[in-house]
N, C-alpha and C. Protein backbone atom coordinates (compact mmCIF):
# COMPACT_ATOMS: atom_id res chain seq x y z
N MET A 1 4.23 17.92 -5.92
CA MET A 1 3.74 17.49 -4.63
C MET A 1 2.62 18.44 -4.22
N LYS A 2 1.54 17.84 -3.72
CA LYS A 2 0.41 18.67 -3.31
C LYS A 2 -0.16 18.19 -1.98
N ARG A 3 -0.94 19.06 -1.38
CA ARG A 3 -1.59 18.72 -0.12
C ARG A 3 -2.45 17.48 -0.33
N GLY A 4 -2.32 16.53 0.60
CA GLY A 4 -3.06 15.28 0.49
C GLY A 4 -2.25 14.14 -0.07
N ASN A 5 -1.06 14.43 -0.63
CA ASN A 5 -0.19 13.36 -1.12
C ASN A 5 0.40 12.58 0.05
N LEU A 6 0.49 11.27 -0.11
CA LEU A 6 1.23 10.42 0.82
C LEU A 6 2.58 10.16 0.18
N VAL A 7 3.64 10.44 0.93
CA VAL A 7 5.00 10.33 0.44
C VAL A 7 5.84 9.54 1.44
N THR A 8 7.04 9.18 1.03
CA THR A 8 7.97 8.57 1.98
C THR A 8 8.98 9.62 2.42
N ILE A 9 9.34 9.56 3.71
CA ILE A 9 10.35 10.46 4.24
C ILE A 9 11.22 9.68 5.23
N ALA A 10 12.39 10.22 5.50
CA ALA A 10 13.26 9.69 6.56
C ALA A 10 13.67 10.87 7.43
N MET A 11 13.16 10.88 8.66
CA MET A 11 13.47 11.95 9.60
C MET A 11 14.71 11.56 10.40
N GLN A 12 15.41 12.56 10.92
CA GLN A 12 16.52 12.30 11.83
C GLN A 12 15.99 12.16 13.24
N GLY A 13 16.79 11.58 14.12
CA GLY A 13 16.42 11.49 15.53
C GLY A 13 15.42 10.39 15.81
N ASP A 14 14.48 10.66 16.71
CA ASP A 14 13.52 9.67 17.17
C ASP A 14 12.68 9.06 16.06
N PHE A 15 12.45 9.81 14.99
CA PHE A 15 11.56 9.35 13.93
C PHE A 15 12.36 9.00 12.67
N GLY A 16 13.60 8.53 12.83
CA GLY A 16 14.54 8.38 11.75
C GLY A 16 14.29 7.30 10.72
N LYS A 17 13.51 6.29 11.01
CA LYS A 17 13.30 5.24 10.02
C LYS A 17 12.42 5.75 8.88
N PRO A 18 12.64 5.25 7.66
CA PRO A 18 11.76 5.67 6.55
C PRO A 18 10.32 5.32 6.87
N ARG A 19 9.42 6.25 6.57
CA ARG A 19 8.01 6.06 6.89
C ARG A 19 7.16 6.90 5.95
N PRO A 20 5.88 6.55 5.87
CA PRO A 20 4.99 7.40 5.08
C PRO A 20 4.62 8.66 5.85
N ALA A 21 4.31 9.69 5.10
CA ALA A 21 3.89 10.96 5.68
C ALA A 21 2.84 11.58 4.76
N LEU A 22 2.00 12.40 5.34
CA LEU A 22 0.95 13.10 4.61
C LEU A 22 1.34 14.56 4.46
N VAL A 23 1.38 15.05 3.22
CA VAL A 23 1.67 16.46 2.97
C VAL A 23 0.44 17.27 3.36
N ILE A 24 0.62 18.24 4.27
CA ILE A 24 -0.50 19.08 4.68
C ILE A 24 -0.30 20.54 4.28
N GLN A 25 0.87 20.88 3.80
CA GLN A 25 1.16 22.25 3.39
C GLN A 25 0.53 22.53 2.02
N SER A 26 0.05 23.72 1.84
CA SER A 26 -0.51 24.13 0.56
C SER A 26 0.56 24.09 -0.52
N SER A 27 0.19 23.62 -1.70
CA SER A 27 1.15 23.52 -2.79
C SER A 27 1.54 24.88 -3.36
N ILE A 28 0.86 25.95 -2.99
CA ILE A 28 1.24 27.27 -3.52
C ILE A 28 2.61 27.72 -2.99
N PHE A 29 3.11 27.06 -1.96
CA PHE A 29 4.42 27.42 -1.40
C PHE A 29 5.55 26.54 -1.92
N ASN A 30 5.27 25.58 -2.79
CA ASN A 30 6.29 24.65 -3.28
C ASN A 30 7.50 25.36 -3.89
N GLU A 31 7.27 26.39 -4.66
CA GLU A 31 8.36 27.08 -5.36
C GLU A 31 9.10 28.09 -4.50
N THR A 32 8.49 28.52 -3.41
CA THR A 32 9.07 29.62 -2.64
C THR A 32 9.59 29.23 -1.27
N HIS A 33 9.39 27.99 -0.87
CA HIS A 33 9.79 27.60 0.47
C HIS A 33 10.63 26.33 0.41
N ALA A 34 11.68 26.26 1.20
CA ALA A 34 12.61 25.12 1.16
C ALA A 34 12.13 23.91 1.93
N THR A 35 11.08 24.08 2.73
CA THR A 35 10.58 22.96 3.52
C THR A 35 9.13 22.66 3.15
N THR A 36 8.70 21.46 3.53
CA THR A 36 7.33 21.02 3.33
C THR A 36 6.82 20.50 4.67
N THR A 37 5.60 20.86 5.02
CA THR A 37 5.02 20.44 6.29
C THR A 37 4.19 19.18 6.08
N VAL A 38 4.46 18.19 6.93
CA VAL A 38 3.82 16.88 6.81
C VAL A 38 3.35 16.39 8.18
N LEU A 39 2.50 15.37 8.13
CA LEU A 39 2.14 14.60 9.33
C LEU A 39 2.70 13.20 9.14
N LEU A 40 3.36 12.68 10.16
CA LEU A 40 3.89 11.33 10.09
C LEU A 40 2.76 10.31 10.21
N LEU A 41 2.97 9.15 9.60
CA LEU A 41 2.07 8.02 9.76
C LEU A 41 2.80 6.94 10.53
N SER A 42 2.05 6.13 11.26
CA SER A 42 2.64 5.03 12.03
C SER A 42 1.78 3.79 11.87
N SER A 43 2.44 2.64 11.81
CA SER A 43 1.70 1.38 11.79
C SER A 43 1.49 0.85 13.21
N GLU A 44 2.03 1.55 14.20
CA GLU A 44 1.77 1.22 15.61
C GLU A 44 0.48 1.92 16.02
N LEU A 45 -0.59 1.17 16.10
CA LEU A 45 -1.91 1.74 16.34
C LEU A 45 -2.18 1.92 17.83
N ILE A 46 -2.65 3.12 18.19
CA ILE A 46 -3.01 3.39 19.58
C ILE A 46 -4.44 3.94 19.62
N ASP A 47 -5.06 3.88 20.78
CA ASP A 47 -6.43 4.35 20.93
C ASP A 47 -6.42 5.83 21.32
N ALA A 48 -6.41 6.70 20.31
CA ALA A 48 -6.41 8.14 20.52
C ALA A 48 -7.10 8.81 19.34
N PRO A 49 -8.41 8.59 19.19
CA PRO A 49 -9.12 8.99 17.97
C PRO A 49 -9.18 10.49 17.70
N LEU A 50 -8.89 11.33 18.68
CA LEU A 50 -8.90 12.77 18.42
C LEU A 50 -7.68 13.24 17.64
N PHE A 51 -6.55 12.55 17.79
CA PHE A 51 -5.34 12.99 17.09
C PHE A 51 -4.55 11.88 16.42
N ARG A 52 -5.06 10.67 16.43
CA ARG A 52 -4.47 9.56 15.66
C ARG A 52 -5.58 8.97 14.81
N LEU A 53 -5.54 9.23 13.52
CA LEU A 53 -6.64 8.88 12.62
C LEU A 53 -6.31 7.61 11.84
N ASP A 54 -7.15 6.61 11.98
CA ASP A 54 -6.95 5.34 11.28
C ASP A 54 -7.16 5.51 9.78
N VAL A 55 -6.26 4.93 9.00
CA VAL A 55 -6.42 4.83 7.55
C VAL A 55 -6.05 3.40 7.15
N PHE A 56 -6.76 2.91 6.17
CA PHE A 56 -6.58 1.53 5.75
C PHE A 56 -6.10 1.49 4.30
N PRO A 57 -5.28 0.50 3.96
CA PRO A 57 -4.71 0.43 2.62
C PRO A 57 -5.78 0.34 1.53
N ASN A 58 -5.54 1.05 0.44
CA ASN A 58 -6.36 0.91 -0.77
C ASN A 58 -5.52 1.35 -1.96
N THR A 59 -6.06 1.21 -3.15
CA THR A 59 -5.27 1.53 -4.34
C THR A 59 -4.97 3.01 -4.46
N GLN A 60 -5.81 3.87 -3.91
CA GLN A 60 -5.59 5.31 -4.00
C GLN A 60 -4.46 5.78 -3.08
N ASN A 61 -4.42 5.25 -1.83
CA ASN A 61 -3.41 5.76 -0.90
C ASN A 61 -2.07 5.03 -0.96
N GLY A 62 -2.04 3.84 -1.54
CA GLY A 62 -0.77 3.13 -1.71
C GLY A 62 -0.18 2.54 -0.45
N LEU A 63 -0.92 2.59 0.67
CA LEU A 63 -0.41 2.01 1.91
C LEU A 63 -0.45 0.49 1.83
N THR A 64 0.43 -0.16 2.57
CA THR A 64 0.49 -1.62 2.55
C THR A 64 -0.10 -2.26 3.80
N LYS A 65 -0.34 -1.45 4.84
CA LYS A 65 -0.95 -1.97 6.06
C LYS A 65 -1.69 -0.84 6.76
N PRO A 66 -2.59 -1.18 7.69
CA PRO A 66 -3.30 -0.13 8.42
C PRO A 66 -2.32 0.78 9.15
N CYS A 67 -2.62 2.06 9.13
CA CYS A 67 -1.76 3.07 9.76
C CYS A 67 -2.63 4.09 10.47
N GLN A 68 -1.95 4.94 11.21
CA GLN A 68 -2.61 6.09 11.79
C GLN A 68 -1.88 7.35 11.36
N ILE A 69 -2.65 8.34 10.96
CA ILE A 69 -2.10 9.66 10.70
C ILE A 69 -1.91 10.32 12.06
N GLN A 70 -0.69 10.72 12.35
CA GLN A 70 -0.36 11.28 13.65
C GLN A 70 -0.49 12.80 13.61
N VAL A 71 -1.68 13.28 13.90
CA VAL A 71 -1.94 14.72 13.87
C VAL A 71 -1.07 15.44 14.89
N ASP A 72 -0.63 14.74 15.92
CA ASP A 72 0.25 15.32 16.93
C ASP A 72 1.72 15.32 16.53
N LYS A 73 2.04 14.87 15.33
CA LYS A 73 3.43 14.84 14.85
C LYS A 73 3.54 15.67 13.58
N ILE A 74 3.39 16.98 13.73
CA ILE A 74 3.52 17.91 12.61
C ILE A 74 5.00 18.23 12.43
N MET A 75 5.51 18.02 11.23
CA MET A 75 6.93 18.25 10.96
C MET A 75 7.10 19.06 9.68
N SER A 76 8.05 19.96 9.68
CA SER A 76 8.46 20.62 8.44
C SER A 76 9.87 20.13 8.13
N ILE A 77 10.02 19.57 6.95
CA ILE A 77 11.31 19.01 6.56
C ILE A 77 11.73 19.60 5.22
N ARG A 78 13.03 19.56 4.98
CA ARG A 78 13.55 20.04 3.70
C ARG A 78 12.92 19.22 2.58
N SER A 79 12.46 19.89 1.58
CA SER A 79 11.73 19.25 0.49
C SER A 79 12.54 18.16 -0.20
N GLU A 80 13.84 18.33 -0.28
CA GLU A 80 14.67 17.30 -0.94
C GLU A 80 14.77 16.00 -0.13
N LYS A 81 14.35 16.02 1.13
CA LYS A 81 14.34 14.82 1.96
C LYS A 81 13.08 13.98 1.75
N ILE A 82 12.16 14.49 0.95
CA ILE A 82 10.93 13.77 0.68
C ILE A 82 11.18 12.82 -0.49
N GLY A 83 10.80 11.56 -0.27
CA GLY A 83 10.97 10.55 -1.30
C GLY A 83 9.81 10.54 -2.26
N LYS A 84 9.54 9.38 -2.79
CA LYS A 84 8.51 9.26 -3.82
C LYS A 84 7.10 9.35 -3.25
N LYS A 85 6.20 9.75 -4.12
CA LYS A 85 4.77 9.75 -3.78
C LYS A 85 4.29 8.30 -3.83
N ILE A 86 3.59 7.87 -2.76
CA ILE A 86 3.06 6.51 -2.75
C ILE A 86 1.57 6.47 -3.02
N GLY A 87 0.91 7.62 -2.90
CA GLY A 87 -0.53 7.70 -3.15
C GLY A 87 -1.06 9.02 -2.66
N GLU A 88 -2.37 9.06 -2.50
CA GLU A 88 -2.98 10.26 -1.95
C GLU A 88 -4.19 9.91 -1.11
N LEU A 89 -4.45 10.78 -0.16
CA LEU A 89 -5.56 10.58 0.75
C LEU A 89 -6.85 11.00 0.07
N ASP A 90 -7.91 10.24 0.28
CA ASP A 90 -9.21 10.59 -0.31
C ASP A 90 -9.80 11.80 0.43
N ASP A 91 -10.79 12.42 -0.19
CA ASP A 91 -11.38 13.65 0.35
C ASP A 91 -11.97 13.47 1.74
N ALA A 92 -12.63 12.34 1.99
CA ALA A 92 -13.26 12.12 3.30
C ALA A 92 -12.21 12.07 4.41
N ASN A 93 -11.11 11.37 4.16
CA ASN A 93 -10.05 11.30 5.17
C ASN A 93 -9.31 12.62 5.31
N LEU A 94 -9.15 13.36 4.22
CA LEU A 94 -8.51 14.67 4.31
C LEU A 94 -9.37 15.64 5.13
N LEU A 95 -10.68 15.53 5.02
CA LEU A 95 -11.57 16.33 5.86
C LEU A 95 -11.40 15.96 7.33
N ARG A 96 -11.26 14.66 7.63
CA ARG A 96 -11.00 14.23 9.01
C ARG A 96 -9.69 14.84 9.53
N VAL A 97 -8.67 14.87 8.68
CA VAL A 97 -7.39 15.47 9.06
C VAL A 97 -7.57 16.96 9.35
N ASN A 98 -8.28 17.67 8.47
CA ASN A 98 -8.51 19.10 8.67
C ASN A 98 -9.17 19.37 10.02
N ARG A 99 -10.18 18.58 10.33
CA ARG A 99 -10.90 18.77 11.60
C ARG A 99 -10.01 18.44 12.80
N ALA A 100 -9.25 17.37 12.70
CA ALA A 100 -8.35 16.99 13.80
C ALA A 100 -7.26 18.04 14.00
N LEU A 101 -6.73 18.58 12.91
CA LEU A 101 -5.72 19.63 13.03
C LEU A 101 -6.30 20.88 13.72
N ALA A 102 -7.53 21.23 13.38
CA ALA A 102 -8.17 22.38 14.02
C ALA A 102 -8.29 22.17 15.52
N VAL A 103 -8.63 20.97 15.93
CA VAL A 103 -8.73 20.67 17.37
C VAL A 103 -7.34 20.68 18.00
N TRP A 104 -6.38 19.99 17.38
CA TRP A 104 -5.03 19.88 17.94
C TRP A 104 -4.37 21.25 18.10
N LEU A 105 -4.59 22.14 17.12
CA LEU A 105 -3.96 23.45 17.15
C LEU A 105 -4.78 24.50 17.90
N GLY A 106 -5.94 24.12 18.39
CA GLY A 106 -6.78 25.04 19.14
C GLY A 106 -7.51 26.03 18.27
N LEU A 107 -7.77 25.67 17.02
CA LEU A 107 -8.46 26.57 16.10
C LEU A 107 -9.96 26.30 16.03
N ALA A 108 -10.40 25.22 16.68
CA ALA A 108 -11.82 24.84 16.62
C ALA A 108 -12.54 25.31 17.86
């Protein structure tokens, strides 16, 4: 699993249904850390372009319908709770995520 992979996860609580998520944690921590940090994706589209980034299905990302990467939903989950890889985000969209994360976290 590497940064930029789109995977399936099932969170407990409010976000409990199986859903796609984007791995944002560096892969250098895969062997040494029990959790992986991800951003949830949602097919419920809202108008919030600073922290909800539209992505559209293609063969590279493996999505089946338009979604939004929820930059405001950063989660660290146990790595064994991560399901299969469904695809990966292209470089242009990953750059959009990096920029949105910098704004959301106050690093920009």
